[in-house]
Amino acid sequence: MSITTKTGDQGKTSLFSGERVYKDDLRVDAYGTLDELDANIGEAKHMVPVDFKSELIDLQNTLFRVMGQLASASQPYPLPVCQADVDTMTDRIHYYESRLDLKGFVVPGSLPVSAKLDVCRTISRRAERRVIALSHREPVPQELMSFVNRLSDYFFILARWIEHLSNAITYKTKDHACNK
């Protein structure tokens, strides 16, 4: 079977649950933004120290479940995101956070790997906005909302932790007024 089905030529796509919706539907936009994040995590895996690869792979596997859940409108997704997924993300954030002593606003991207993780952070924020927009139109499970909310914090703190390991955290300096 070819991946070119031509069924989307009129601007519609099929959800996991079988419905056909326009490709710019909020639901498609939400899981599509998470798919963009997933691809960027795939790139980040080639940049992070080896100790962090399995953590990112675990996250990608959970993201498949999040995307599948978002792609299911009329029937429940068989493997929905659960509170344990949210707790795992929260624990990872707290682990790195407890070992860092951040002293102010951080300038993103002091290293190529942290710059890529900061890109993941910003895509996570956009994905969360798309999920929230969807939640205004139809119910979105709280666990999914909470998990997506944790993503940007996770990428922020992981980027800072990796910078910390290289003594490369850069803090924002004083503002300078414009001379007129």
N, C-alpha and C. Protein backbone atom coordinates (compact mmCIF):
# COMPACT_ATOMS: atom_id res chain seq x y z
N MET A 1 0.85 -1.19 0.00
CA MET A 1 0.00 0.00 0.00
C MET A 1 0.88 1.24 0.00
N SER A 2 0.59 2.17 -0.83
CA SER A 2 1.35 3.41 -0.96
C SER A 2 0.93 4.41 0.13
N ILE A 3 1.87 5.26 0.54
CA ILE A 3 1.50 6.33 1.47
C ILE A 3 0.74 7.43 0.74
N THR A 4 0.80 7.43 -0.58
CA THR A 4 0.04 8.39 -1.38
C THR A 4 -1.32 7.78 -1.68
N THR A 5 -2.33 8.22 -0.93
CA THR A 5 -3.67 7.66 -1.09
C THR A 5 -4.59 8.56 -1.91
N LYS A 6 -4.21 9.83 -2.03
CA LYS A 6 -5.00 10.85 -2.73
C LYS A 6 -6.29 11.20 -2.01
N THR A 7 -6.52 10.59 -0.83
CA THR A 7 -7.76 10.89 -0.10
C THR A 7 -7.72 12.27 0.53
N GLY A 8 -6.55 12.88 0.62
CA GLY A 8 -6.44 14.21 1.20
C GLY A 8 -6.38 15.33 0.19
N ASP A 9 -6.55 14.99 -1.07
CA ASP A 9 -6.41 16.00 -2.13
C ASP A 9 -7.43 17.12 -2.03
N GLN A 10 -8.52 16.90 -1.35
CA GLN A 10 -9.56 17.93 -1.20
C GLN A 10 -9.45 18.66 0.14
N GLY A 11 -8.31 18.45 0.83
CA GLY A 11 -8.07 19.19 2.07
C GLY A 11 -8.58 18.52 3.33
N LYS A 12 -8.95 17.25 3.23
CA LYS A 12 -9.41 16.54 4.42
C LYS A 12 -8.47 15.39 4.76
N THR A 13 -8.50 14.96 6.00
CA THR A 13 -7.71 13.84 6.48
C THR A 13 -8.58 12.98 7.38
N SER A 14 -8.14 11.76 7.60
CA SER A 14 -8.87 10.85 8.48
C SER A 14 -8.26 10.87 9.86
N LEU A 15 -9.12 10.94 10.86
CA LEU A 15 -8.67 10.79 12.24
C LEU A 15 -8.49 9.30 12.53
N PHE A 16 -7.77 9.01 13.62
CA PHE A 16 -7.58 7.64 14.06
C PHE A 16 -8.93 6.95 14.27
N SER A 17 -9.90 7.72 14.75
CA SER A 17 -11.23 7.17 15.03
C SER A 17 -12.12 7.09 13.80
N GLY A 18 -11.60 7.47 12.62
CA GLY A 18 -12.31 7.25 11.38
C GLY A 18 -12.97 8.47 10.74
N GLU A 19 -13.27 9.51 11.50
CA GLU A 19 -13.91 10.69 10.92
C GLU A 19 -12.96 11.38 9.94
N ARG A 20 -13.56 12.07 8.98
CA ARG A 20 -12.79 12.89 8.06
C ARG A 20 -13.01 14.35 8.45
N VAL A 21 -11.92 15.06 8.61
CA VAL A 21 -11.99 16.47 8.98
C VAL A 21 -11.03 17.24 8.09
N TYR A 22 -11.24 18.56 8.04
CA TYR A 22 -10.31 19.40 7.29
C TYR A 22 -8.94 19.39 7.96
N LYS A 23 -7.91 19.50 7.16
CA LYS A 23 -6.54 19.43 7.66
C LYS A 23 -6.17 20.61 8.55
N ASP A 24 -6.96 21.68 8.50
CA ASP A 24 -6.70 22.81 9.39
C ASP A 24 -7.59 22.78 10.64
N ASP A 25 -8.27 21.68 10.88
CA ASP A 25 -9.09 21.50 12.08
C ASP A 25 -8.20 21.66 13.32
N LEU A 26 -8.74 22.23 14.38
CA LEU A 26 -7.96 22.43 15.61
C LEU A 26 -7.34 21.13 16.12
N ARG A 27 -8.07 20.04 15.99
CA ARG A 27 -7.57 18.74 16.45
C ARG A 27 -6.33 18.33 15.64
N VAL A 28 -6.40 18.49 14.33
CA VAL A 28 -5.28 18.15 13.45
C VAL A 28 -4.12 19.09 13.71
N ASP A 29 -4.42 20.36 13.93
CA ASP A 29 -3.38 21.34 14.23
C ASP A 29 -2.66 20.99 15.53
N ALA A 30 -3.42 20.54 16.53
CA ALA A 30 -2.82 20.19 17.82
C ALA A 30 -1.90 18.99 17.68
N TYR A 31 -2.39 17.89 17.09
CA TYR A 31 -1.50 16.73 17.00
C TYR A 31 -0.42 16.93 15.94
N GLY A 32 -0.68 17.77 14.95
CA GLY A 32 0.35 18.09 13.97
C GLY A 32 1.50 18.88 14.57
N THR A 33 1.19 19.78 15.50
CA THR A 33 2.24 20.54 16.18
C THR A 33 3.05 19.62 17.08
N LEU A 34 2.38 18.66 17.71
CA LEU A 34 3.11 17.67 18.52
C LEU A 34 3.96 16.77 17.63
N ASP A 35 3.51 16.49 16.42
CA ASP A 35 4.31 15.72 15.47
C ASP A 35 5.57 16.51 15.09
N GLU A 36 5.42 17.81 14.91
CA GLU A 36 6.59 18.67 14.65
C GLU A 36 7.56 18.61 15.82
N LEU A 37 7.02 18.66 17.03
CA LEU A 37 7.86 18.52 18.22
C LEU A 37 8.58 17.18 18.21
N ASP A 38 7.86 16.11 17.90
CA ASP A 38 8.43 14.77 17.87
C ASP A 38 9.61 14.70 16.90
N ALA A 39 9.46 15.31 15.73
CA ALA A 39 10.55 15.32 14.75
C ALA A 39 11.76 16.07 15.28
N ASN A 40 11.53 17.18 15.98
CA ASN A 40 12.63 17.94 16.56
C ASN A 40 13.30 17.19 17.70
N ILE A 41 12.52 16.44 18.46
CA ILE A 41 13.11 15.58 19.51
C ILE A 41 13.99 14.52 18.84
N GLY A 42 13.53 14.00 17.71
CA GLY A 42 14.34 13.04 16.96
C GLY A 42 15.70 13.61 16.60
N GLU A 43 15.73 14.86 16.21
CA GLU A 43 17.01 15.51 15.91
C GLU A 43 17.81 15.72 17.19
N ALA A 44 17.14 16.15 18.25
CA ALA A 44 17.83 16.40 19.52
C ALA A 44 18.49 15.15 20.06
N LYS A 45 17.89 13.98 19.83
CA LYS A 45 18.47 12.72 20.31
C LYS A 45 19.89 12.50 19.79
N HIS A 46 20.20 13.07 18.62
CA HIS A 46 21.53 12.91 18.04
C HIS A 46 22.53 13.90 18.62
N MET A 47 22.03 14.82 19.43
CA MET A 47 22.88 15.88 19.97
C MET A 47 23.10 15.74 21.47
N VAL A 48 22.15 15.15 22.17
CA VAL A 48 22.27 15.07 23.64
C VAL A 48 23.33 14.06 24.03
N PRO A 49 23.92 14.25 25.21
CA PRO A 49 24.80 13.20 25.73
C PRO A 49 24.03 11.88 25.81
N VAL A 50 24.72 10.79 25.64
CA VAL A 50 24.09 9.47 25.54
C VAL A 50 23.17 9.15 26.72
N ASP A 51 23.47 9.69 27.89
CA ASP A 51 22.66 9.42 29.09
C ASP A 51 21.21 9.88 28.93
N PHE A 52 20.94 10.79 28.03
CA PHE A 52 19.61 11.38 27.90
C PHE A 52 18.80 10.80 26.75
N LYS A 53 19.43 9.98 25.90
CA LYS A 53 18.73 9.45 24.72
C LYS A 53 17.51 8.62 25.10
N SER A 54 17.65 7.73 26.05
CA SER A 54 16.52 6.85 26.40
C SER A 54 15.37 7.67 26.99
N GLU A 55 15.70 8.73 27.70
CA GLU A 55 14.66 9.61 28.25
C GLU A 55 13.87 10.27 27.14
N LEU A 56 14.56 10.70 26.10
CA LEU A 56 13.88 11.33 24.96
C LEU A 56 13.08 10.30 24.16
N ILE A 57 13.58 9.09 24.04
CA ILE A 57 12.83 8.04 23.36
C ILE A 57 11.55 7.72 24.14
N ASP A 58 11.65 7.64 25.46
CA ASP A 58 10.45 7.43 26.29
C ASP A 58 9.43 8.53 26.04
N LEU A 59 9.91 9.76 25.99
CA LEU A 59 9.02 10.89 25.74
C LEU A 59 8.37 10.77 24.36
N GLN A 60 9.14 10.39 23.36
CA GLN A 60 8.56 10.23 22.03
C GLN A 60 7.47 9.16 22.02
N ASN A 61 7.69 8.08 22.73
CA ASN A 61 6.67 7.03 22.81
C ASN A 61 5.40 7.53 23.47
N THR A 62 5.55 8.35 24.51
CA THR A 62 4.37 8.94 25.15
C THR A 62 3.69 9.92 24.21
N LEU A 63 4.48 10.68 23.46
CA LEU A 63 3.88 11.62 22.50
C LEU A 63 3.04 10.91 21.45
N PHE A 64 3.44 9.71 21.04
CA PHE A 64 2.61 8.95 20.09
C PHE A 64 1.24 8.69 20.69
N ARG A 65 1.20 8.41 21.98
CA ARG A 65 -0.08 8.18 22.64
C ARG A 65 -0.88 9.48 22.72
N VAL A 66 -0.22 10.59 23.02
CA VAL A 66 -0.90 11.88 23.08
C VAL A 66 -1.49 12.21 21.71
N MET A 67 -0.69 12.04 20.67
CA MET A 67 -1.17 12.35 19.31
C MET A 67 -2.32 11.42 18.93
N GLY A 68 -2.20 10.15 19.26
CA GLY A 68 -3.28 9.21 18.97
C GLY A 68 -4.56 9.58 19.69
N GLN A 69 -4.42 10.02 20.92
CA GLN A 69 -5.59 10.43 21.70
C GLN A 69 -6.24 11.66 21.07
N LEU A 70 -5.42 12.61 20.65
CA LEU A 70 -5.96 13.80 20.00
C LEU A 70 -6.59 13.47 18.64
N ALA A 71 -6.11 12.42 18.00
CA ALA A 71 -6.64 12.03 16.69
C ALA A 71 -7.87 11.13 16.81
N SER A 72 -8.38 10.97 18.01
CA SER A 72 -9.56 10.14 18.23
C SER A 72 -10.69 11.03 18.73
N ALA A 73 -11.69 11.24 17.88
CA ALA A 73 -12.78 12.15 18.24
C ALA A 73 -14.00 11.40 18.77
N SER A 74 -14.45 10.38 18.06
CA SER A 74 -15.74 9.77 18.39
C SER A 74 -15.64 8.53 19.27
N GLN A 75 -14.43 8.04 19.47
CA GLN A 75 -14.25 6.87 20.32
C GLN A 75 -13.00 7.04 21.14
N PRO A 76 -12.94 6.43 22.32
CA PRO A 76 -11.76 6.60 23.16
C PRO A 76 -10.53 5.93 22.55
N TYR A 77 -9.41 6.57 22.71
CA TYR A 77 -8.14 6.01 22.26
C TYR A 77 -7.77 4.88 23.23
N PRO A 78 -7.27 3.75 22.72
CA PRO A 78 -7.03 2.60 23.59
C PRO A 78 -5.93 2.79 24.64
N LEU A 79 -4.99 3.69 24.41
CA LEU A 79 -3.89 3.90 25.36
C LEU A 79 -3.77 5.38 25.72
N PRO A 80 -4.75 5.93 26.41
CA PRO A 80 -4.72 7.37 26.70
C PRO A 80 -3.60 7.74 27.68
N VAL A 81 -3.22 8.98 27.63
CA VAL A 81 -2.27 9.51 28.59
C VAL A 81 -2.92 9.43 29.96
N CYS A 82 -2.13 9.06 30.95
CA CYS A 82 -2.68 8.90 32.30
C CYS A 82 -1.88 9.74 33.30
N GLN A 83 -2.34 9.77 34.53
CA GLN A 83 -1.68 10.56 35.56
C GLN A 83 -0.24 10.11 35.78
N ALA A 84 0.05 8.81 35.60
CA ALA A 84 1.42 8.33 35.75
C ALA A 84 2.35 9.00 34.74
N ASP A 85 1.86 9.27 33.53
CA ASP A 85 2.67 9.97 32.52
C ASP A 85 2.97 11.39 32.97
N VAL A 86 1.97 12.05 33.52
CA VAL A 86 2.15 13.41 34.03
C VAL A 86 3.15 13.39 35.18
N ASP A 87 2.99 12.43 36.08
CA ASP A 87 3.89 12.33 37.24
C ASP A 87 5.33 12.05 36.82
N THR A 88 5.52 11.22 35.80
CA THR A 88 6.87 10.94 35.31
C THR A 88 7.53 12.22 34.81
N MET A 89 6.78 13.01 34.01
CA MET A 89 7.33 14.27 33.51
C MET A 89 7.63 15.23 34.66
N THR A 90 6.72 15.32 35.61
CA THR A 90 6.92 16.21 36.75
C THR A 90 8.15 15.79 37.54
N ASP A 91 8.31 14.50 37.77
CA ASP A 91 9.47 13.99 38.50
C ASP A 91 10.77 14.30 37.78
N ARG A 92 10.78 14.16 36.46
CA ARG A 92 11.99 14.47 35.68
C ARG A 92 12.33 15.95 35.80
N ILE A 93 11.31 16.80 35.71
CA ILE A 93 11.54 18.24 35.84
C ILE A 93 12.12 18.55 37.23
N HIS A 94 11.51 18.00 38.26
CA HIS A 94 11.96 18.25 39.63
C HIS A 94 13.37 17.71 39.87
N TYR A 95 13.70 16.59 39.26
CA TYR A 95 15.05 16.01 39.41
C TYR A 95 16.11 17.01 38.94
N TYR A 96 15.95 17.52 37.72
CA TYR A 96 16.94 18.47 37.19
C TYR A 96 16.88 19.80 37.93
N GLU A 97 15.69 20.25 38.19
CA GLU A 97 15.49 21.53 38.86
C GLU A 97 16.16 21.55 40.24
N SER A 98 16.07 20.45 40.97
CA SER A 98 16.63 20.38 42.32
C SER A 98 18.16 20.40 42.31
N ARG A 99 18.77 20.14 41.18
CA ARG A 99 20.23 20.10 41.08
C ARG A 99 20.81 21.37 40.46
N LEU A 100 19.92 22.27 40.08
CA LEU A 100 20.35 23.53 39.47
C LEU A 100 20.08 24.68 40.43
N ASP A 101 20.90 25.68 40.35
CA ASP A 101 20.67 26.90 41.11
C ASP A 101 20.64 28.05 40.11
N LEU A 102 19.51 28.16 39.41
CA LEU A 102 19.40 29.22 38.41
C LEU A 102 19.34 30.57 39.11
N LYS A 103 20.06 31.54 38.56
CA LYS A 103 20.23 32.83 39.22
C LYS A 103 19.66 33.99 38.42
N GLY A 104 18.69 33.75 37.60
CA GLY A 104 18.11 34.82 36.82
C GLY A 104 17.58 34.31 35.50
N PHE A 105 17.26 35.26 34.62
CA PHE A 105 16.77 34.88 33.30
C PHE A 105 17.92 34.31 32.48
N VAL A 106 17.62 33.24 31.77
CA VAL A 106 18.64 32.55 30.99
C VAL A 106 18.50 32.92 29.52
N VAL A 107 19.63 33.19 28.88
CA VAL A 107 19.65 33.41 27.44
C VAL A 107 19.69 32.02 26.80
N PRO A 108 18.71 31.69 25.99
CA PRO A 108 18.63 30.34 25.43
C PRO A 108 19.78 30.01 24.49
N GLY A 109 20.10 28.72 24.45
CA GLY A 109 20.96 28.19 23.39
C GLY A 109 22.44 28.44 23.52
N SER A 110 23.01 28.27 24.70
CA SER A 110 24.45 28.46 24.86
C SER A 110 25.26 27.37 24.16
N LEU A 111 24.64 26.23 23.92
CA LEU A 111 25.28 25.12 23.22
C LEU A 111 24.37 24.69 22.07
N PRO A 112 24.89 24.07 21.04
CA PRO A 112 24.00 23.59 19.96
C PRO A 112 22.89 22.67 20.48
N VAL A 113 23.21 21.79 21.41
CA VAL A 113 22.20 20.87 21.92
C VAL A 113 21.14 21.60 22.74
N SER A 114 21.55 22.58 23.55
CA SER A 114 20.55 23.30 24.34
C SER A 114 19.72 24.21 23.43
N ALA A 115 20.31 24.70 22.36
CA ALA A 115 19.54 25.49 21.39
C ALA A 115 18.45 24.62 20.77
N LYS A 116 18.77 23.38 20.42
CA LYS A 116 17.77 22.47 19.85
C LYS A 116 16.69 22.16 20.88
N LEU A 117 17.07 21.96 22.14
CA LEU A 117 16.08 21.71 23.19
C LEU A 117 15.20 22.94 23.42
N ASP A 118 15.77 24.13 23.25
CA ASP A 118 14.97 25.35 23.36
C ASP A 118 13.98 25.47 22.19
N VAL A 119 14.36 24.99 21.01
CA VAL A 119 13.41 24.94 19.90
C VAL A 119 12.27 23.99 20.28
N CYS A 120 12.61 22.85 20.86
CA CYS A 120 11.57 21.91 21.33
C CYS A 120 10.67 22.59 22.36
N ARG A 121 11.26 23.39 23.21
CA ARG A 121 10.47 24.11 24.24
C ARG A 121 9.44 25.03 23.59
N THR A 122 9.86 25.78 22.59
CA THR A 122 8.93 26.73 21.98
C THR A 122 7.85 26.01 21.16
N ILE A 123 8.21 24.91 20.52
CA ILE A 123 7.19 24.13 19.81
C ILE A 123 6.20 23.54 20.81
N SER A 124 6.70 23.12 21.97
CA SER A 124 5.83 22.60 23.03
C SER A 124 4.81 23.65 23.45
N ARG A 125 5.26 24.87 23.58
CA ARG A 125 4.34 25.94 23.97
C ARG A 125 3.27 26.17 22.91
N ARG A 126 3.67 26.12 21.66
CA ARG A 126 2.69 26.29 20.58
C ARG A 126 1.71 25.13 20.57
N ALA A 127 2.22 23.91 20.78
CA ALA A 127 1.34 22.74 20.84
C ALA A 127 0.33 22.90 21.98
N GLU A 128 0.80 23.38 23.11
CA GLU A 128 -0.12 23.58 24.24
C GLU A 128 -1.20 24.59 23.88
N ARG A 129 -0.83 25.66 23.20
CA ARG A 129 -1.85 26.65 22.78
C ARG A 129 -2.88 26.01 21.86
N ARG A 130 -2.43 25.12 20.97
CA ARG A 130 -3.36 24.45 20.06
C ARG A 130 -4.29 23.50 20.83
N VAL A 131 -3.75 22.79 21.82
CA VAL A 131 -4.57 21.89 22.63
C VAL A 131 -5.59 22.70 23.44
N ILE A 132 -5.16 23.82 23.98
CA ILE A 132 -6.08 24.68 24.74
C ILE A 132 -7.18 25.21 23.83
N ALA A 133 -6.81 25.63 22.62
CA ALA A 133 -7.83 26.10 21.67
C ALA A 133 -8.85 24.99 21.40
N LEU A 134 -8.37 23.77 21.23
CA LEU A 134 -9.28 22.63 21.02
C LEU A 134 -10.18 22.43 22.23
N SER A 135 -9.62 22.62 23.42
CA SER A 135 -10.41 22.40 24.66
C SER A 135 -11.55 23.40 24.81
N HIS A 136 -11.46 24.53 24.12
CA HIS A 136 -12.57 25.50 24.15
C HIS A 136 -13.74 25.02 23.29
N ARG A 137 -13.44 24.13 22.37
CA ARG A 137 -14.46 23.64 21.45
C ARG A 137 -15.05 22.30 21.89
N GLU A 138 -14.21 21.47 22.52
CA GLU A 138 -14.66 20.14 22.95
C GLU A 138 -13.80 19.67 24.12
N PRO A 139 -14.28 18.71 24.87
CA PRO A 139 -13.52 18.27 26.05
C PRO A 139 -12.18 17.64 25.67
N VAL A 140 -11.17 18.00 26.43
CA VAL A 140 -9.84 17.39 26.32
C VAL A 140 -9.52 16.86 27.72
N PRO A 141 -9.13 15.60 27.84
CA PRO A 141 -8.86 15.03 29.16
C PRO A 141 -7.82 15.83 29.94
N GLN A 142 -8.04 15.97 31.23
CA GLN A 142 -7.15 16.75 32.09
C GLN A 142 -5.73 16.21 32.06
N GLU A 143 -5.57 14.90 32.05
CA GLU A 143 -4.22 14.32 32.04
C GLU A 143 -3.46 14.72 30.78
N LEU A 144 -4.16 14.77 29.65
CA LEU A 144 -3.51 15.19 28.41
C LEU A 144 -3.12 16.67 28.51
N MET A 145 -4.02 17.49 29.03
CA MET A 145 -3.72 18.92 29.20
C MET A 145 -2.50 19.10 30.11
N SER A 146 -2.48 18.38 31.22
CA SER A 146 -1.37 18.51 32.18
C SER A 146 -0.06 18.04 31.56
N PHE A 147 -0.10 16.92 30.83
CA PHE A 147 1.12 16.41 30.21
C PHE A 147 1.69 17.42 29.22
N VAL A 148 0.83 17.95 28.37
CA VAL A 148 1.29 18.91 27.37
C VAL A 148 1.82 20.17 28.06
N ASN A 149 1.21 20.54 29.18
CA ASN A 149 1.69 21.70 29.93
C ASN A 149 3.10 21.47 30.48
N ARG A 150 3.45 20.25 30.82
CA ARG A 150 4.77 19.94 31.38
C ARG A 150 5.88 19.99 30.35
N LEU A 151 5.53 19.81 29.07
CA LEU A 151 6.57 19.66 28.05
C LEU A 151 7.54 20.83 27.98
N SER A 152 7.04 22.06 27.96
CA SER A 152 7.96 23.20 27.82
C SER A 152 8.86 23.32 29.05
N ASP A 153 8.33 23.05 30.23
CA ASP A 153 9.17 23.08 31.44
C ASP A 153 10.27 22.03 31.35
N TYR A 154 9.90 20.85 30.87
CA TYR A 154 10.87 19.77 30.74
C TYR A 154 12.02 20.17 29.80
N PHE A 155 11.68 20.70 28.62
CA PHE A 155 12.73 21.06 27.67
C PHE A 155 13.57 22.22 28.18
N PHE A 156 12.95 23.17 28.88
CA PHE A 156 13.71 24.27 29.46
C PHE A 156 14.74 23.74 30.46
N ILE A 157 14.28 22.90 31.38
CA ILE A 157 15.16 22.47 32.46
C ILE A 157 16.21 21.48 31.96
N LEU A 158 15.85 20.64 30.99
CA LEU A 158 16.84 19.73 30.42
C LEU A 158 17.93 20.52 29.68
N ALA A 159 17.55 21.55 28.95
CA ALA A 159 18.53 22.38 28.25
C ALA A 159 19.47 23.05 29.25
N ARG A 160 18.90 23.55 30.35
CA ARG A 160 19.74 24.19 31.36
C ARG A 160 20.65 23.18 32.05
N TRP A 161 20.14 21.97 32.30
CA TRP A 161 20.96 20.95 32.96
C TRP A 161 22.15 20.58 32.08
N ILE A 162 21.90 20.41 30.78
CA ILE A 162 23.00 20.07 29.88
C ILE A 162 23.99 21.23 29.77
N GLU A 163 23.50 22.46 29.77
CA GLU A 163 24.41 23.62 29.81
C GLU A 163 25.20 23.61 31.11
N HIS A 164 24.54 23.33 32.22
CA HIS A 164 25.20 23.27 33.52
C HIS A 164 26.35 22.25 33.51
N LEU A 165 26.11 21.08 32.92
CA LEU A 165 27.14 20.05 32.86
C LEU A 165 28.37 20.53 32.09
N SER A 166 28.19 21.48 31.20
CA SER A 166 29.30 22.05 30.42
C SER A 166 29.71 23.42 30.92
N ASN A 167 29.15 23.84 32.06
CA ASN A 167 29.43 25.17 32.61
C ASN A 167 29.17 26.25 31.56
N ALA A 168 28.01 26.16 30.91
CA ALA A 168 27.74 27.04 29.78
C ALA A 168 26.43 27.84 29.91
N ILE A 169 25.81 27.85 31.08
CA ILE A 169 24.58 28.63 31.23
C ILE A 169 24.92 30.11 31.08
N THR A 170 24.18 30.80 30.23
CA THR A 170 24.37 32.23 30.02
C THR A 170 23.15 32.96 30.57
N TYR A 171 23.42 33.92 31.46
CA TYR A 171 22.33 34.70 32.05
C TYR A 171 22.18 36.03 31.34
N LYS A 172 20.95 36.51 31.32
CA LYS A 172 20.66 37.82 30.76
C LYS A 172 21.43 38.87 31.57
N THR A 173 22.01 39.81 30.86
CA THR A 173 22.74 40.88 31.53
C THR A 173 21.82 42.07 31.72
N LYS A 174 22.34 43.10 32.36
CA LYS A 174 21.54 44.31 32.61
C LYS A 174 21.03 44.89 31.30
N ASP A 175 19.85 45.49 31.39
CA ASP A 175 19.31 46.21 30.25
C ASP A 175 20.04 47.54 30.12
N HIS A 176 20.20 47.96 28.90
CA HIS A 176 20.81 49.26 28.64
C HIS A 176 19.79 50.14 27.95
N ALA A 177 19.62 51.32 28.46
CA ALA A 177 18.65 52.25 27.88
C ALA A 177 19.19 52.79 26.55
N CYS A 178 18.27 53.05 25.66
CA CYS A 178 18.66 53.64 24.37
C CYS A 178 18.99 55.12 24.61
N ASN A 179 20.02 55.56 23.95
CA ASN A 179 20.36 56.98 24.02
C ASN A 179 19.65 57.69 22.88
N LYS A 180 18.89 58.71 23.26
CA LYS A 180 18.15 59.45 22.23
C LYS A 180 18.69 60.84 22.12
